[in-house]
Amino acid sequence: MNKNDLLVKFAYLKEQGEIIVKNIAILEERLTETLIAKNTLEELKKVGKGELLVPIGGGCFIETELKNLDSVTINIGGGVSKEASVEESLSKLDENAENIRKMLMHTRENLSKIENDLAAVDKELRKQK
C-alpha cells in the first residue's frame, strides 16, 4: 500500500474507533440505567407500602405514598409498553442487562480489532518515512 492509501485507511479506522467508543458509552449508560431500575424495583418490593421520597432532579425530592406494587409498566420494545408483575419486570430487566452486556462485549472486541489495525497501519506509515 502506498502512503496515501495508508493515510486514508488510518483516518477511516480512527473515525470508526471514535464511533465505537461513543457506542460503548451509550451501552454503558443503558446498562447503568437498567441496573438502577432493577435495584429500585427490588427495594420497592421490599418496602411494599409506605411513604417514599422520589427524586425529581436538581437535588429535589417529592414525598409520595406507595399504596401497592402489584404491577409495573415495562417497555417491551419498539416503543410498546405493557403492565407486568414485579417478578416479570425484574426478569425482563435481567434479560435486558444480559443483552446489553453481550453487546458491550462484542463492541469492545470490535474496538480492539480496530485499535490493532490502527497500530499496524501506523507501523507501516512509520516504515515508509
N, C-alpha and C. Protein backbone atom coordinates (compact mmCIF):
# COMPACT_ATOMS: atom_id res chain seq x y z
N MET A 1 0.84 -1.19 0.00
CA MET A 1 0.00 0.00 0.00
C MET A 1 0.88 1.24 0.00
N ASN A 2 0.48 2.22 -0.79
CA ASN A 2 1.26 3.45 -0.78
C ASN A 2 0.86 4.33 0.41
N LYS A 3 1.67 5.33 0.65
CA LYS A 3 1.48 6.20 1.82
C LYS A 3 0.10 6.85 1.83
N ASN A 4 -0.38 7.30 0.69
CA ASN A 4 -1.69 7.94 0.60
C ASN A 4 -2.81 6.98 1.00
N ASP A 5 -2.73 5.76 0.49
CA ASP A 5 -3.74 4.75 0.84
C ASP A 5 -3.71 4.45 2.34
N LEU A 6 -2.51 4.37 2.88
CA LEU A 6 -2.37 4.12 4.32
C LEU A 6 -2.96 5.26 5.15
N LEU A 7 -2.75 6.48 4.72
CA LEU A 7 -3.30 7.64 5.44
C LEU A 7 -4.83 7.63 5.39
N VAL A 8 -5.39 7.26 4.26
CA VAL A 8 -6.85 7.17 4.13
C VAL A 8 -7.38 6.07 5.04
N LYS A 9 -6.71 4.93 5.02
CA LYS A 9 -7.13 3.81 5.87
C LYS A 9 -7.02 4.18 7.34
N PHE A 10 -5.93 4.87 7.70
CA PHE A 10 -5.74 5.29 9.09
C PHE A 10 -6.87 6.21 9.53
N ALA A 11 -7.21 7.19 8.70
CA ALA A 11 -8.28 8.14 9.03
C ALA A 11 -9.62 7.42 9.17
N TYR A 12 -9.88 6.47 8.26
CA TYR A 12 -11.13 5.71 8.32
C TYR A 12 -11.20 4.90 9.61
N LEU A 13 -10.13 4.19 9.93
CA LEU A 13 -10.11 3.37 11.15
C LEU A 13 -10.26 4.22 12.40
N LYS A 14 -9.60 5.37 12.39
CA LYS A 14 -9.69 6.27 13.55
C LYS A 14 -11.13 6.75 13.74
N GLU A 15 -11.78 7.10 12.65
CA GLU A 15 -13.18 7.54 12.72
C GLU A 15 -14.09 6.41 13.22
N GLN A 16 -13.87 5.21 12.70
CA GLN A 16 -14.66 4.06 13.14
C GLN A 16 -14.45 3.80 14.63
N GLY A 17 -13.21 3.93 15.09
CA GLY A 17 -12.91 3.75 16.50
C GLY A 17 -13.63 4.76 17.37
N GLU A 18 -13.67 6.00 16.92
CA GLU A 18 -14.37 7.05 17.68
C GLU A 18 -15.86 6.76 17.77
N ILE A 19 -16.43 6.27 16.68
CA ILE A 19 -17.85 5.92 16.69
C ILE A 19 -18.11 4.78 17.67
N ILE A 20 -17.24 3.80 17.65
CA ILE A 20 -17.41 2.65 18.56
C ILE A 20 -17.26 3.08 20.01
N VAL A 21 -16.33 3.97 20.30
CA VAL A 21 -16.16 4.48 21.67
C VAL A 21 -17.45 5.16 22.13
N LYS A 22 -18.07 5.94 21.25
CA LYS A 22 -19.34 6.59 21.60
C LYS A 22 -20.43 5.55 21.84
N ASN A 23 -20.46 4.50 21.01
CA ASN A 23 -21.46 3.44 21.19
C ASN A 23 -21.25 2.71 22.51
N ILE A 24 -20.00 2.49 22.88
CA ILE A 24 -19.71 1.85 24.17
C ILE A 24 -20.24 2.71 25.32
N ALA A 25 -20.03 4.01 25.23
CA ALA A 25 -20.53 4.92 26.28
C ALA A 25 -22.05 4.85 26.38
N ILE A 26 -22.71 4.80 25.25
CA ILE A 26 -24.18 4.71 25.24
C ILE A 26 -24.63 3.39 25.86
N LEU A 27 -23.99 2.30 25.48
CA LEU A 27 -24.35 0.99 26.04
C LEU A 27 -24.09 0.93 27.54
N GLU A 28 -22.97 1.51 27.98
CA GLU A 28 -22.68 1.53 29.42
C GLU A 28 -23.73 2.32 30.19
N GLU A 29 -24.18 3.42 29.59
CA GLU A 29 -25.24 4.23 30.21
C GLU A 29 -26.54 3.44 30.29
N ARG A 30 -26.88 2.75 29.21
CA ARG A 30 -28.10 1.92 29.21
C ARG A 30 -28.01 0.81 30.25
N LEU A 31 -26.85 0.20 30.40
CA LEU A 31 -26.67 -0.86 31.39
C LEU A 31 -26.84 -0.28 32.79
N THR A 32 -26.23 0.86 33.04
CA THR A 32 -26.35 1.50 34.35
C THR A 32 -27.81 1.81 34.66
N GLU A 33 -28.53 2.39 33.70
CA GLU A 33 -29.95 2.71 33.91
C GLU A 33 -30.76 1.45 34.19
N THR A 34 -30.46 0.38 33.46
CA THR A 34 -31.19 -0.88 33.65
C THR A 34 -30.94 -1.44 35.05
N LEU A 35 -29.68 -1.41 35.48
CA LEU A 35 -29.35 -1.93 36.81
C LEU A 35 -29.93 -1.07 37.92
N ILE A 36 -29.97 0.24 37.70
CA ILE A 36 -30.61 1.13 38.69
C ILE A 36 -32.09 0.83 38.79
N ALA A 37 -32.75 0.65 37.64
CA ALA A 37 -34.18 0.32 37.63
C ALA A 37 -34.42 -0.99 38.37
N LYS A 38 -33.58 -1.98 38.12
CA LYS A 38 -33.74 -3.28 38.78
C LYS A 38 -33.56 -3.13 40.29
N ASN A 39 -32.51 -2.43 40.69
CA ASN A 39 -32.26 -2.22 42.11
C ASN A 39 -33.41 -1.47 42.77
N THR A 40 -33.90 -0.43 42.11
CA THR A 40 -35.02 0.34 42.64
C THR A 40 -36.26 -0.52 42.81
N LEU A 41 -36.55 -1.32 41.81
CA LEU A 41 -37.72 -2.19 41.87
C LEU A 41 -37.57 -3.23 42.98
N GLU A 42 -36.38 -3.77 43.16
CA GLU A 42 -36.14 -4.73 44.25
C GLU A 42 -36.34 -4.07 45.61
N GLU A 43 -35.86 -2.84 45.75
CA GLU A 43 -36.03 -2.12 47.02
C GLU A 43 -37.50 -1.77 47.27
N LEU A 44 -38.20 -1.35 46.21
CA LEU A 44 -39.63 -1.05 46.36
C LEU A 44 -40.40 -2.30 46.74
N LYS A 45 -40.00 -3.42 46.19
CA LYS A 45 -40.65 -4.70 46.51
C LYS A 45 -40.49 -5.00 48.00
N LYS A 46 -39.33 -4.70 48.56
CA LYS A 46 -39.09 -4.92 49.99
C LYS A 46 -39.98 -4.01 50.84
N VAL A 47 -40.12 -2.75 50.40
CA VAL A 47 -40.92 -1.77 51.14
C VAL A 47 -42.39 -2.16 51.10
N GLY A 48 -42.87 -2.53 49.92
CA GLY A 48 -44.27 -2.94 49.76
C GLY A 48 -45.22 -1.77 49.77
N LYS A 49 -45.39 -1.12 50.90
CA LYS A 49 -46.26 0.04 51.04
C LYS A 49 -45.56 1.05 51.92
N GLY A 50 -45.96 2.31 51.78
CA GLY A 50 -45.42 3.33 52.67
C GLY A 50 -45.02 4.59 51.95
N GLU A 51 -44.48 5.52 52.74
CA GLU A 51 -44.08 6.81 52.19
C GLU A 51 -42.67 6.73 51.61
N LEU A 52 -42.49 7.45 50.52
CA LEU A 52 -41.20 7.46 49.83
C LEU A 52 -40.82 8.88 49.46
N LEU A 53 -39.53 9.14 49.36
CA LEU A 53 -39.04 10.37 48.77
C LEU A 53 -38.57 10.01 47.37
N VAL A 54 -39.15 10.67 46.38
CA VAL A 54 -38.85 10.37 44.98
C VAL A 54 -38.04 11.52 44.39
N PRO A 55 -36.82 11.22 43.89
CA PRO A 55 -36.02 12.30 43.29
C PRO A 55 -36.65 12.76 41.97
N ILE A 56 -36.71 14.08 41.81
CA ILE A 56 -37.26 14.62 40.56
C ILE A 56 -36.21 15.42 39.79
N GLY A 57 -34.96 15.40 40.30
CA GLY A 57 -33.87 16.08 39.63
C GLY A 57 -33.46 17.35 40.34
N GLY A 58 -32.25 17.78 40.09
CA GLY A 58 -31.76 19.02 40.67
C GLY A 58 -31.66 18.97 42.18
N GLY A 59 -31.53 17.78 42.75
CA GLY A 59 -31.45 17.65 44.19
C GLY A 59 -32.79 17.83 44.90
N CYS A 60 -33.88 17.79 44.14
CA CYS A 60 -35.21 17.94 44.71
C CYS A 60 -35.91 16.59 44.81
N PHE A 61 -36.74 16.45 45.83
CA PHE A 61 -37.50 15.23 46.05
C PHE A 61 -38.94 15.57 46.37
N ILE A 62 -39.83 14.66 46.03
CA ILE A 62 -41.21 14.81 46.45
C ILE A 62 -41.56 13.63 47.34
N GLU A 63 -42.42 13.91 48.31
CA GLU A 63 -42.87 12.84 49.19
C GLU A 63 -44.12 12.24 48.57
N THR A 64 -44.14 10.94 48.49
CA THR A 64 -45.27 10.25 47.91
C THR A 64 -45.54 8.98 48.70
N GLU A 65 -46.67 8.37 48.42
CA GLU A 65 -47.02 7.14 49.11
C GLU A 65 -47.18 6.01 48.11
N LEU A 66 -46.54 4.91 48.41
CA LEU A 66 -46.66 3.70 47.61
C LEU A 66 -47.79 2.88 48.22
N LYS A 67 -48.90 2.79 47.48
CA LYS A 67 -50.06 2.07 48.00
C LYS A 67 -49.94 0.57 47.76
N ASN A 68 -49.50 0.21 46.55
CA ASN A 68 -49.25 -1.20 46.28
C ASN A 68 -48.31 -1.30 45.09
N LEU A 69 -47.72 -2.45 44.97
CA LEU A 69 -46.78 -2.67 43.88
C LEU A 69 -47.17 -3.98 43.20
N ASP A 70 -48.42 -3.98 42.71
CA ASP A 70 -48.92 -5.19 42.05
C ASP A 70 -48.39 -5.34 40.64
N SER A 71 -48.19 -4.20 39.96
CA SER A 71 -47.72 -4.28 38.59
C SER A 71 -46.82 -3.09 38.27
N VAL A 72 -46.06 -3.28 37.19
CA VAL A 72 -45.12 -2.27 36.73
C VAL A 72 -45.34 -2.14 35.22
N THR A 73 -45.27 -0.93 34.71
CA THR A 73 -45.34 -0.74 33.26
C THR A 73 -43.92 -0.84 32.72
N ILE A 74 -43.70 -1.80 31.81
CA ILE A 74 -42.37 -2.01 31.26
C ILE A 74 -42.40 -1.86 29.75
N ASN A 75 -41.27 -1.41 29.22
CA ASN A 75 -41.11 -1.28 27.77
C ASN A 75 -40.73 -2.66 27.25
N ILE A 76 -41.46 -3.15 26.25
CA ILE A 76 -41.16 -4.48 25.70
C ILE A 76 -40.51 -4.37 24.32
N GLY A 77 -40.20 -3.14 23.91
CA GLY A 77 -39.51 -2.94 22.64
C GLY A 77 -40.39 -2.26 21.61
N GLY A 78 -39.75 -1.61 20.69
CA GLY A 78 -40.47 -0.95 19.60
C GLY A 78 -41.40 0.14 20.07
N GLY A 79 -41.10 0.75 21.21
CA GLY A 79 -41.95 1.82 21.74
C GLY A 79 -43.25 1.31 22.34
N VAL A 80 -43.35 0.01 22.58
CA VAL A 80 -44.55 -0.59 23.15
C VAL A 80 -44.29 -0.93 24.61
N SER A 81 -45.25 -0.59 25.47
CA SER A 81 -45.16 -0.90 26.89
C SER A 81 -46.33 -1.77 27.30
N LYS A 82 -46.14 -2.48 28.41
CA LYS A 82 -47.24 -3.29 28.94
C LYS A 82 -47.12 -3.37 30.45
N GLU A 83 -48.22 -3.69 31.09
CA GLU A 83 -48.19 -3.92 32.52
C GLU A 83 -47.74 -5.33 32.78
N ALA A 84 -46.88 -5.47 33.80
CA ALA A 84 -46.36 -6.79 34.15
C ALA A 84 -46.19 -6.87 35.65
N SER A 85 -46.13 -8.09 36.15
CA SER A 85 -45.89 -8.28 37.58
C SER A 85 -44.48 -7.81 37.92
N VAL A 86 -44.23 -7.61 39.19
CA VAL A 86 -42.90 -7.20 39.63
C VAL A 86 -41.88 -8.26 39.22
N GLU A 87 -42.21 -9.51 39.43
CA GLU A 87 -41.27 -10.59 39.08
C GLU A 87 -40.98 -10.62 37.58
N GLU A 88 -42.02 -10.47 36.77
CA GLU A 88 -41.83 -10.45 35.33
C GLU A 88 -40.97 -9.25 34.92
N SER A 89 -41.21 -8.12 35.57
CA SER A 89 -40.42 -6.91 35.27
C SER A 89 -38.96 -7.10 35.65
N LEU A 90 -38.71 -7.70 36.82
CA LEU A 90 -37.34 -7.96 37.23
C LEU A 90 -36.66 -8.92 36.26
N SER A 91 -37.39 -9.92 35.81
CA SER A 91 -36.86 -10.87 34.85
C SER A 91 -36.51 -10.17 33.53
N LYS A 92 -37.38 -9.28 33.09
CA LYS A 92 -37.15 -8.53 31.84
C LYS A 92 -35.93 -7.62 32.00
N LEU A 93 -35.77 -7.00 33.16
CA LEU A 93 -34.61 -6.15 33.40
C LEU A 93 -33.33 -6.97 33.40
N ASP A 94 -33.37 -8.18 33.99
CA ASP A 94 -32.21 -9.08 33.94
C ASP A 94 -31.86 -9.45 32.50
N GLU A 95 -32.88 -9.77 31.73
CA GLU A 95 -32.69 -10.13 30.32
C GLU A 95 -32.09 -8.95 29.55
N ASN A 96 -32.62 -7.76 29.78
CA ASN A 96 -32.10 -6.57 29.11
C ASN A 96 -30.64 -6.33 29.48
N ALA A 97 -30.32 -6.46 30.77
CA ALA A 97 -28.95 -6.24 31.23
C ALA A 97 -28.01 -7.24 30.57
N GLU A 98 -28.42 -8.49 30.49
CA GLU A 98 -27.58 -9.51 29.86
C GLU A 98 -27.36 -9.20 28.38
N ASN A 99 -28.41 -8.79 27.69
CA ASN A 99 -28.28 -8.43 26.27
C ASN A 99 -27.33 -7.25 26.08
N ILE A 100 -27.42 -6.26 26.95
CA ILE A 100 -26.54 -5.10 26.86
C ILE A 100 -25.10 -5.53 27.13
N ARG A 101 -24.89 -6.40 28.12
CA ARG A 101 -23.53 -6.89 28.41
C ARG A 101 -22.94 -7.59 27.19
N LYS A 102 -23.75 -8.40 26.51
CA LYS A 102 -23.28 -9.10 25.30
C LYS A 102 -22.92 -8.10 24.20
N MET A 103 -23.78 -7.08 24.02
CA MET A 103 -23.48 -6.06 23.02
C MET A 103 -22.20 -5.30 23.37
N LEU A 104 -22.02 -5.02 24.66
CA LEU A 104 -20.80 -4.32 25.10
C LEU A 104 -19.57 -5.16 24.81
N MET A 105 -19.64 -6.45 25.11
CA MET A 105 -18.50 -7.33 24.87
C MET A 105 -18.16 -7.36 23.38
N HIS A 106 -19.17 -7.51 22.55
CA HIS A 106 -18.96 -7.55 21.10
C HIS A 106 -18.40 -6.22 20.60
N THR A 107 -18.92 -5.13 21.08
CA THR A 107 -18.48 -3.80 20.65
C THR A 107 -17.04 -3.54 21.10
N ARG A 108 -16.71 -3.97 22.31
CA ARG A 108 -15.32 -3.81 22.79
C ARG A 108 -14.35 -4.67 21.96
N GLU A 109 -14.80 -5.85 21.56
CA GLU A 109 -13.97 -6.69 20.69
C GLU A 109 -13.72 -5.99 19.35
N ASN A 110 -14.77 -5.38 18.80
CA ASN A 110 -14.61 -4.62 17.55
C ASN A 110 -13.63 -3.47 17.72
N LEU A 111 -13.72 -2.78 18.85
CA LEU A 111 -12.81 -1.67 19.11
C LEU A 111 -11.37 -2.18 19.20
N SER A 112 -11.19 -3.30 19.85
CA SER A 112 -9.85 -3.87 19.97
C SER A 112 -9.27 -4.21 18.60
N LYS A 113 -10.10 -4.77 17.72
CA LYS A 113 -9.64 -5.10 16.36
C LYS A 113 -9.24 -3.82 15.61
N ILE A 114 -10.05 -2.79 15.75
CA ILE A 114 -9.74 -1.53 15.07
C ILE A 114 -8.45 -0.93 15.62
N GLU A 115 -8.28 -1.00 16.94
CA GLU A 115 -7.05 -0.47 17.54
C GLU A 115 -5.83 -1.24 17.03
N ASN A 116 -5.96 -2.56 16.89
CA ASN A 116 -4.86 -3.36 16.34
C ASN A 116 -4.57 -2.97 14.90
N ASP A 117 -5.62 -2.79 14.11
CA ASP A 117 -5.46 -2.39 12.71
C ASP A 117 -4.81 -1.00 12.62
N LEU A 118 -5.23 -0.10 13.51
CA LEU A 118 -4.63 1.25 13.53
C LEU A 118 -3.13 1.16 13.84
N ALA A 119 -2.78 0.32 14.80
CA ALA A 119 -1.37 0.17 15.17
C ALA A 119 -0.57 -0.38 13.99
N ALA A 120 -1.16 -1.33 13.27
CA ALA A 120 -0.47 -1.91 12.11
C ALA A 120 -0.28 -0.88 11.01
N VAL A 121 -1.30 -0.08 10.75
CA VAL A 121 -1.19 0.96 9.71
C VAL A 121 -0.17 2.01 10.15
N ASP A 122 -0.19 2.38 11.41
CA ASP A 122 0.76 3.35 11.93
C ASP A 122 2.19 2.84 11.78
N LYS A 123 2.39 1.57 12.10
CA LYS A 123 3.72 0.96 11.95
C LYS A 123 4.19 1.01 10.50
N GLU A 124 3.26 0.69 9.59
CA GLU A 124 3.59 0.71 8.16
C GLU A 124 3.90 2.13 7.68
N LEU A 125 3.16 3.10 8.19
CA LEU A 125 3.43 4.51 7.83
C LEU A 125 4.81 4.93 8.31
N ARG A 126 5.17 4.52 9.51
CA ARG A 126 6.49 4.88 10.05
C ARG A 126 7.62 4.26 9.24
N LYS A 127 7.38 3.08 8.71
CA LYS A 127 8.39 2.42 7.87
C LYS A 127 8.61 3.20 6.58
N GLN A 128 7.54 3.81 6.07
CA GLN A 128 7.61 4.49 4.78
C GLN A 128 8.19 5.90 4.86
N LYS A 129 8.47 6.39 6.05
CA LYS A 129 9.00 7.76 6.18
C LYS A 129 10.42 7.85 5.71
